[in-house]
């Protein structure tokens, strides 16, 4: 089983949020999510936690794309443009620094018009043990 398929089946929170990985390769991942009414906050725009979940799923794929169990130790997100119901969001994650212990990943989420919805950055801790699929 590929990492993409494993995470799409076993990252229960992301699955329940409607986020799914569409591409994963070493150092890169792309995830997608369509904003539904369940994603909206009281202001009728996509809730920040839903955007964070999409970015976090893409980051998890990148972090673990080298085959070693890697866990997030910190991340930040900046909301730059609102997403609304019906928007198709694409998160592209790139491993900016492939450090053997503390990799650094950047994620950009764009809507179907190419507008930057949010920018996300995270660091992780890479363990010696393999990521078992």
N, C-alpha and C. Protein backbone atom coordinates (compact mmCIF):
# COMPACT_ATOMS: atom_id res chain seq x y z
N UNK A 1 0.85 -1.18 0.00
CA UNK A 1 0.00 0.00 0.00
C UNK A 1 0.89 1.24 0.00
N UNK A 2 0.49 2.23 -0.75
CA UNK A 2 1.24 3.48 -0.80
C UNK A 2 0.88 4.36 0.39
N UNK A 3 1.80 5.28 0.73
CA UNK A 3 1.58 6.21 1.84
C UNK A 3 0.29 7.01 1.63
N UNK A 4 0.05 7.48 0.41
CA UNK A 4 -1.15 8.26 0.11
C UNK A 4 -2.40 7.48 0.49
N UNK A 5 -2.48 6.24 0.05
CA UNK A 5 -3.65 5.42 0.32
C UNK A 5 -3.78 5.10 1.81
N UNK A 6 -2.64 4.84 2.45
CA UNK A 6 -2.66 4.54 3.88
C UNK A 6 -3.21 5.73 4.68
N UNK A 7 -2.71 6.93 4.39
CA UNK A 7 -3.19 8.10 5.12
C UNK A 7 -4.65 8.42 4.78
N UNK A 8 -5.03 8.24 3.51
CA UNK A 8 -6.42 8.49 3.13
C UNK A 8 -7.39 7.54 3.83
N UNK A 9 -6.92 6.38 4.24
CA UNK A 9 -7.77 5.43 4.95
C UNK A 9 -7.67 5.54 6.46
N UNK A 10 -6.51 5.98 6.97
CA UNK A 10 -6.26 5.88 8.41
C UNK A 10 -6.14 7.19 9.16
N UNK A 11 -6.07 8.32 8.46
CA UNK A 11 -6.11 9.61 9.16
C UNK A 11 -7.58 9.97 9.31
N UNK A 12 -8.20 9.40 10.34
CA UNK A 12 -9.66 9.45 10.51
C UNK A 12 -10.18 10.88 10.59
N UNK A 13 -9.48 11.77 11.28
CA UNK A 13 -9.96 13.13 11.42
C UNK A 13 -10.01 13.82 10.06
N UNK A 14 -8.94 13.69 9.29
CA UNK A 14 -8.89 14.32 7.96
C UNK A 14 -9.94 13.71 7.05
N UNK A 15 -10.11 12.39 7.10
CA UNK A 15 -11.12 11.72 6.28
C UNK A 15 -12.51 12.27 6.61
N UNK A 16 -12.81 12.37 7.89
CA UNK A 16 -14.13 12.87 8.31
C UNK A 16 -14.33 14.34 7.96
N UNK A 17 -13.24 15.08 7.80
CA UNK A 17 -13.32 16.49 7.41
C UNK A 17 -13.45 16.65 5.90
N UNK A 18 -13.30 15.56 5.15
CA UNK A 18 -13.42 15.63 3.70
C UNK A 18 -12.11 15.92 2.97
N UNK A 19 -11.00 15.89 3.70
CA UNK A 19 -9.68 16.13 3.08
C UNK A 19 -9.12 14.80 2.57
N UNK A 20 -8.48 14.85 1.41
CA UNK A 20 -7.87 13.63 0.89
C UNK A 20 -6.61 13.97 0.10
N UNK A 21 -5.66 13.09 0.19
CA UNK A 21 -4.41 13.24 -0.56
C UNK A 21 -4.63 12.77 -1.99
N UNK A 22 -4.11 13.53 -2.94
CA UNK A 22 -4.22 13.13 -4.35
C UNK A 22 -2.85 12.84 -4.97
N UNK A 23 -1.79 13.31 -4.33
CA UNK A 23 -0.44 13.03 -4.83
C UNK A 23 0.54 13.11 -3.66
N UNK A 24 1.43 12.12 -3.61
CA UNK A 24 2.50 12.12 -2.62
C UNK A 24 3.74 11.55 -3.27
N UNK A 25 4.81 12.30 -3.15
CA UNK A 25 6.13 11.79 -3.54
C UNK A 25 7.13 12.34 -2.53
N UNK A 26 8.32 11.84 -2.55
CA UNK A 26 9.30 12.27 -1.55
C UNK A 26 9.45 13.79 -1.58
N UNK A 27 9.14 14.42 -0.43
CA UNK A 27 9.30 15.86 -0.28
C UNK A 27 8.17 16.71 -0.81
N UNK A 28 7.09 16.08 -1.32
CA UNK A 28 5.98 16.84 -1.89
C UNK A 28 4.67 16.09 -1.68
N UNK A 29 3.60 16.86 -1.42
CA UNK A 29 2.26 16.26 -1.35
C UNK A 29 1.23 17.29 -1.76
N UNK A 30 0.12 16.78 -2.31
CA UNK A 30 -1.01 17.63 -2.68
C UNK A 30 -2.26 16.98 -2.12
N UNK A 31 -3.05 17.80 -1.42
CA UNK A 31 -4.31 17.33 -0.84
C UNK A 31 -5.43 18.26 -1.30
N UNK A 32 -6.66 17.74 -1.32
CA UNK A 32 -7.80 18.53 -1.77
C UNK A 32 -8.97 18.39 -0.80
N UNK A 33 -9.83 19.40 -0.82
CA UNK A 33 -11.04 19.37 -0.02
C UNK A 33 -12.04 20.34 -0.66
N UNK A 34 -13.28 19.92 -0.76
CA UNK A 34 -14.34 20.81 -1.22
C UNK A 34 -15.06 21.34 0.01
N UNK A 35 -15.22 22.64 0.08
CA UNK A 35 -15.87 23.27 1.23
C UNK A 35 -17.38 22.99 1.15
N UNK A 36 -17.90 22.38 2.21
CA UNK A 36 -19.33 22.09 2.31
C UNK A 36 -19.93 22.91 3.44
N UNK A 37 -21.22 22.81 3.61
CA UNK A 37 -21.88 23.56 4.69
C UNK A 37 -21.35 23.15 6.06
N UNK A 38 -20.86 21.92 6.19
CA UNK A 38 -20.31 21.45 7.46
C UNK A 38 -18.98 22.11 7.82
N UNK A 39 -18.33 22.74 6.86
CA UNK A 39 -17.06 23.42 7.10
C UNK A 39 -17.22 24.88 7.51
N UNK A 40 -18.45 25.40 7.43
CA UNK A 40 -18.65 26.84 7.63
C UNK A 40 -18.75 27.22 9.09
N UNK A 41 -18.21 28.40 9.39
CA UNK A 41 -18.36 28.97 10.74
C UNK A 41 -19.59 29.88 10.75
N UNK A 42 -19.82 30.56 11.85
CA UNK A 42 -21.01 31.41 11.97
C UNK A 42 -21.01 32.58 10.99
N UNK A 43 -19.83 32.94 10.47
CA UNK A 43 -19.74 34.00 9.48
C UNK A 43 -19.97 33.51 8.06
N UNK A 44 -20.28 32.22 7.91
CA UNK A 44 -20.57 31.56 6.62
C UNK A 44 -19.35 31.46 5.71
N UNK A 45 -18.16 31.41 6.31
CA UNK A 45 -16.94 31.12 5.57
C UNK A 45 -16.31 29.87 6.19
N UNK A 46 -15.37 29.28 5.48
CA UNK A 46 -14.74 28.05 5.95
C UNK A 46 -14.02 28.29 7.28
N UNK A 47 -14.33 27.44 8.24
CA UNK A 47 -13.75 27.52 9.57
C UNK A 47 -12.24 27.25 9.49
N UNK A 48 -11.46 27.99 10.26
CA UNK A 48 -10.01 27.86 10.23
C UNK A 48 -9.50 26.47 10.53
N UNK A 49 -10.19 25.77 11.41
CA UNK A 49 -9.78 24.40 11.75
C UNK A 49 -9.85 23.46 10.56
N UNK A 50 -10.81 23.66 9.68
CA UNK A 50 -10.92 22.84 8.48
C UNK A 50 -9.73 23.09 7.55
N UNK A 51 -9.35 24.36 7.41
CA UNK A 51 -8.18 24.71 6.59
C UNK A 51 -6.91 24.14 7.20
N UNK A 52 -6.80 24.24 8.53
CA UNK A 52 -5.63 23.69 9.22
C UNK A 52 -5.55 22.18 8.99
N UNK A 53 -6.68 21.49 9.07
CA UNK A 53 -6.70 20.05 8.87
C UNK A 53 -6.21 19.67 7.48
N UNK A 54 -6.65 20.40 6.46
CA UNK A 54 -6.21 20.14 5.09
C UNK A 54 -4.70 20.32 4.97
N UNK A 55 -4.18 21.43 5.50
CA UNK A 55 -2.74 21.69 5.46
C UNK A 55 -1.96 20.65 6.25
N UNK A 56 -2.49 20.27 7.41
CA UNK A 56 -1.82 19.30 8.28
C UNK A 56 -1.73 17.93 7.62
N UNK A 57 -2.77 17.53 6.89
CA UNK A 57 -2.73 16.25 6.18
C UNK A 57 -1.64 16.26 5.12
N UNK A 58 -1.56 17.34 4.35
CA UNK A 58 -0.51 17.44 3.32
C UNK A 58 0.87 17.42 3.96
N UNK A 59 1.02 18.14 5.08
CA UNK A 59 2.30 18.16 5.78
C UNK A 59 2.66 16.76 6.29
N UNK A 60 1.69 16.03 6.84
CA UNK A 60 1.95 14.69 7.36
C UNK A 60 2.48 13.78 6.26
N UNK A 61 1.92 13.90 5.06
CA UNK A 61 2.38 13.07 3.95
C UNK A 61 3.82 13.40 3.59
N UNK A 62 4.14 14.69 3.53
CA UNK A 62 5.51 15.10 3.19
C UNK A 62 6.48 14.64 4.27
N UNK A 63 6.12 14.88 5.53
CA UNK A 63 7.01 14.52 6.64
C UNK A 63 7.37 13.05 6.62
N UNK A 64 6.40 12.21 6.29
CA UNK A 64 6.60 10.77 6.35
C UNK A 64 6.97 10.15 5.01
N UNK A 65 7.19 10.97 4.00
CA UNK A 65 7.49 10.47 2.65
C UNK A 65 8.87 9.83 2.54
N UNK A 66 9.69 9.97 3.56
CA UNK A 66 11.02 9.36 3.54
C UNK A 66 11.03 8.00 4.22
N UNK A 67 9.86 7.56 4.73
CA UNK A 67 9.77 6.24 5.32
C UNK A 67 10.07 6.16 6.80
N UNK A 68 10.39 7.27 7.43
CA UNK A 68 10.64 7.30 8.87
C UNK A 68 9.48 7.99 9.57
N UNK A 69 9.07 7.46 10.72
CA UNK A 69 7.97 8.05 11.48
C UNK A 69 8.36 9.47 11.88
N UNK A 70 7.56 10.43 11.44
CA UNK A 70 7.84 11.85 11.66
C UNK A 70 6.57 12.51 12.17
N UNK A 71 6.70 13.22 13.29
CA UNK A 71 5.54 13.82 13.95
C UNK A 71 5.72 15.32 14.08
N UNK A 72 4.65 16.04 13.89
CA UNK A 72 4.67 17.50 13.97
C UNK A 72 5.04 17.96 15.37
N UNK A 73 5.88 19.00 15.44
CA UNK A 73 6.21 19.59 16.74
C UNK A 73 5.83 21.07 16.80
N UNK A 74 5.36 21.62 15.69
CA UNK A 74 4.91 23.01 15.71
C UNK A 74 4.51 23.45 14.33
N UNK A 75 3.49 24.32 14.29
CA UNK A 75 3.06 24.84 13.00
C UNK A 75 2.33 26.16 13.20
N UNK A 76 2.34 26.94 12.13
CA UNK A 76 1.63 28.21 12.12
C UNK A 76 0.82 28.30 10.83
N UNK A 77 -0.26 29.07 10.89
CA UNK A 77 -1.09 29.25 9.71
C UNK A 77 -1.52 30.72 9.64
N UNK A 78 -1.52 31.25 8.45
CA UNK A 78 -2.01 32.61 8.21
C UNK A 78 -3.16 32.52 7.22
N UNK A 79 -4.32 33.07 7.60
CA UNK A 79 -5.51 33.07 6.76
C UNK A 79 -5.50 34.35 5.93
N UNK A 80 -5.44 34.20 4.61
CA UNK A 80 -5.24 35.33 3.72
C UNK A 80 -6.46 35.67 2.86
N UNK A 81 -7.34 34.69 2.67
CA UNK A 81 -8.51 34.89 1.81
C UNK A 81 -9.57 33.91 2.29
N UNK A 82 -10.80 34.34 2.38
CA UNK A 82 -11.87 33.45 2.82
C UNK A 82 -12.18 32.39 1.77
N UNK A 83 -12.54 31.21 2.27
CA UNK A 83 -13.05 30.15 1.41
C UNK A 83 -14.54 30.01 1.74
N UNK A 84 -15.35 29.77 0.72
CA UNK A 84 -16.79 29.69 0.90
C UNK A 84 -17.31 28.33 0.41
N UNK A 85 -18.55 28.05 0.77
CA UNK A 85 -19.16 26.78 0.37
C UNK A 85 -19.06 26.61 -1.15
N UNK A 86 -18.64 25.42 -1.55
CA UNK A 86 -18.48 25.11 -2.96
C UNK A 86 -17.07 25.27 -3.48
N UNK A 87 -16.22 25.99 -2.74
CA UNK A 87 -14.82 26.15 -3.17
C UNK A 87 -14.11 24.80 -3.14
N UNK A 88 -13.28 24.56 -4.14
CA UNK A 88 -12.39 23.42 -4.15
C UNK A 88 -11.02 23.92 -3.74
N UNK A 89 -10.51 23.40 -2.64
CA UNK A 89 -9.23 23.85 -2.11
C UNK A 89 -8.14 22.83 -2.39
N UNK A 90 -6.97 23.32 -2.76
CA UNK A 90 -5.82 22.47 -3.02
C UNK A 90 -4.68 22.92 -2.12
N UNK A 91 -4.16 21.99 -1.35
CA UNK A 91 -3.02 22.26 -0.48
C UNK A 91 -1.78 21.60 -1.09
N UNK A 92 -0.77 22.41 -1.36
CA UNK A 92 0.49 21.88 -1.86
C UNK A 92 1.54 22.05 -0.78
N UNK A 93 2.13 20.93 -0.38
CA UNK A 93 3.13 20.91 0.68
C UNK A 93 4.49 20.56 0.10
N UNK A 94 5.50 21.33 0.52
CA UNK A 94 6.87 21.12 0.04
C UNK A 94 7.79 21.09 1.25
N UNK A 95 8.66 20.10 1.25
CA UNK A 95 9.66 20.02 2.32
C UNK A 95 10.77 21.01 1.97
N UNK A 96 10.78 22.14 2.66
CA UNK A 96 11.74 23.19 2.40
C UNK A 96 13.13 22.80 2.91
N UNK A 97 13.16 22.16 4.07
CA UNK A 97 14.42 21.68 4.66
C UNK A 97 14.23 20.22 5.05
N UNK A 98 15.02 19.34 4.44
CA UNK A 98 14.97 17.92 4.75
C UNK A 98 16.06 17.58 5.76
N UNK A 99 15.94 18.12 6.96
CA UNK A 99 16.88 17.82 8.03
C UNK A 99 16.62 16.42 8.54
N UNK A 100 17.68 15.70 8.90
CA UNK A 100 17.52 14.30 9.32
C UNK A 100 16.71 14.15 10.60
N UNK A 101 16.58 15.18 11.41
CA UNK A 101 15.79 15.11 12.64
C UNK A 101 14.64 16.12 12.68
N UNK A 102 14.86 17.35 12.18
CA UNK A 102 13.86 18.42 12.28
C UNK A 102 13.58 18.99 10.88
N UNK A 103 12.75 18.30 10.08
CA UNK A 103 12.41 18.85 8.77
C UNK A 103 11.46 20.04 8.90
N UNK A 104 11.46 20.88 7.87
CA UNK A 104 10.61 22.07 7.83
C UNK A 104 9.80 22.02 6.55
N UNK A 105 8.48 22.17 6.69
CA UNK A 105 7.57 22.03 5.56
C UNK A 105 6.73 23.30 5.40
N UNK A 106 6.50 23.71 4.15
CA UNK A 106 5.63 24.84 3.86
C UNK A 106 4.45 24.34 3.03
N UNK A 107 3.26 24.83 3.36
CA UNK A 107 2.04 24.44 2.65
C UNK A 107 1.32 25.71 2.22
N UNK A 108 0.88 25.70 0.98
CA UNK A 108 0.04 26.80 0.47
C UNK A 108 -1.29 26.19 0.04
N UNK A 109 -2.38 26.80 0.50
CA UNK A 109 -3.72 26.37 0.10
C UNK A 109 -4.30 27.42 -0.83
N UNK A 110 -4.74 26.97 -2.00
CA UNK A 110 -5.34 27.86 -2.99
C UNK A 110 -6.74 27.36 -3.34
N UNK A 111 -7.59 28.27 -3.75
CA UNK A 111 -8.92 27.86 -4.22
C UNK A 111 -8.88 27.56 -5.71
N UNK A 112 -10.04 27.24 -6.28
CA UNK A 112 -10.12 26.86 -7.69
C UNK A 112 -9.78 28.01 -8.63
N UNK A 113 -9.72 29.23 -8.13
CA UNK A 113 -9.35 30.40 -8.94
C UNK A 113 -7.85 30.71 -8.82
N UNK A 114 -7.13 29.91 -8.04
CA UNK A 114 -5.71 30.13 -7.84
C UNK A 114 -5.39 31.15 -6.76
N UNK A 115 -6.42 31.65 -6.06
CA UNK A 115 -6.19 32.63 -4.99
C UNK A 115 -5.62 31.94 -3.76
N UNK A 116 -4.62 32.56 -3.17
CA UNK A 116 -3.99 32.01 -1.97
C UNK A 116 -4.92 32.21 -0.78
N UNK A 117 -5.42 31.12 -0.24
CA UNK A 117 -6.34 31.16 0.89
C UNK A 117 -5.58 31.20 2.21
N UNK A 118 -4.55 30.40 2.33
CA UNK A 118 -3.73 30.45 3.54
C UNK A 118 -2.34 29.90 3.29
N UNK A 119 -1.44 30.31 4.17
CA UNK A 119 -0.06 29.84 4.16
C UNK A 119 0.20 29.16 5.50
N UNK A 120 0.86 28.03 5.47
CA UNK A 120 1.05 27.19 6.63
C UNK A 120 2.51 26.76 6.64
N UNK A 121 3.12 26.71 7.79
CA UNK A 121 4.49 26.23 7.91
C UNK A 121 4.60 25.37 9.16
N UNK A 122 5.37 24.32 9.07
CA UNK A 122 5.51 23.44 10.22
C UNK A 122 6.87 22.78 10.31
N UNK A 123 7.19 22.40 11.53
CA UNK A 123 8.40 21.64 11.80
C UNK A 123 7.99 20.31 12.40
N UNK A 124 8.86 19.34 12.27
CA UNK A 124 8.54 18.00 12.75
C UNK A 124 9.77 17.36 13.38
N UNK A 125 9.52 16.27 14.07
CA UNK A 125 10.61 15.49 14.64
C UNK A 125 10.61 14.12 13.96
N UNK A 126 11.71 13.79 13.29
CA UNK A 126 11.85 12.52 12.58
C UNK A 126 12.50 11.51 13.51
N UNK A 127 11.76 10.43 13.79
CA UNK A 127 12.25 9.37 14.66
C UNK A 127 13.09 8.38 13.87
N UNK A 128 13.81 7.53 14.58
CA UNK A 128 14.64 6.52 13.93
C UNK A 128 13.80 5.37 13.38
N UNK A 129 12.62 5.16 13.95
CA UNK A 129 11.80 4.02 13.52
C UNK A 129 11.11 4.28 12.19
N UNK A 130 10.88 3.20 11.47
CA UNK A 130 10.22 3.28 10.18
C UNK A 130 8.75 3.64 10.34
N UNK A 131 8.21 4.30 9.34
CA UNK A 131 6.77 4.55 9.26
C UNK A 131 6.17 3.29 8.67
N UNK A 132 5.43 2.56 9.49
CA UNK A 132 4.91 1.26 9.06
C UNK A 132 3.53 1.44 8.45
N UNK A 133 3.42 0.95 7.23
CA UNK A 133 2.13 0.99 6.52
C UNK A 133 1.49 -0.36 6.60
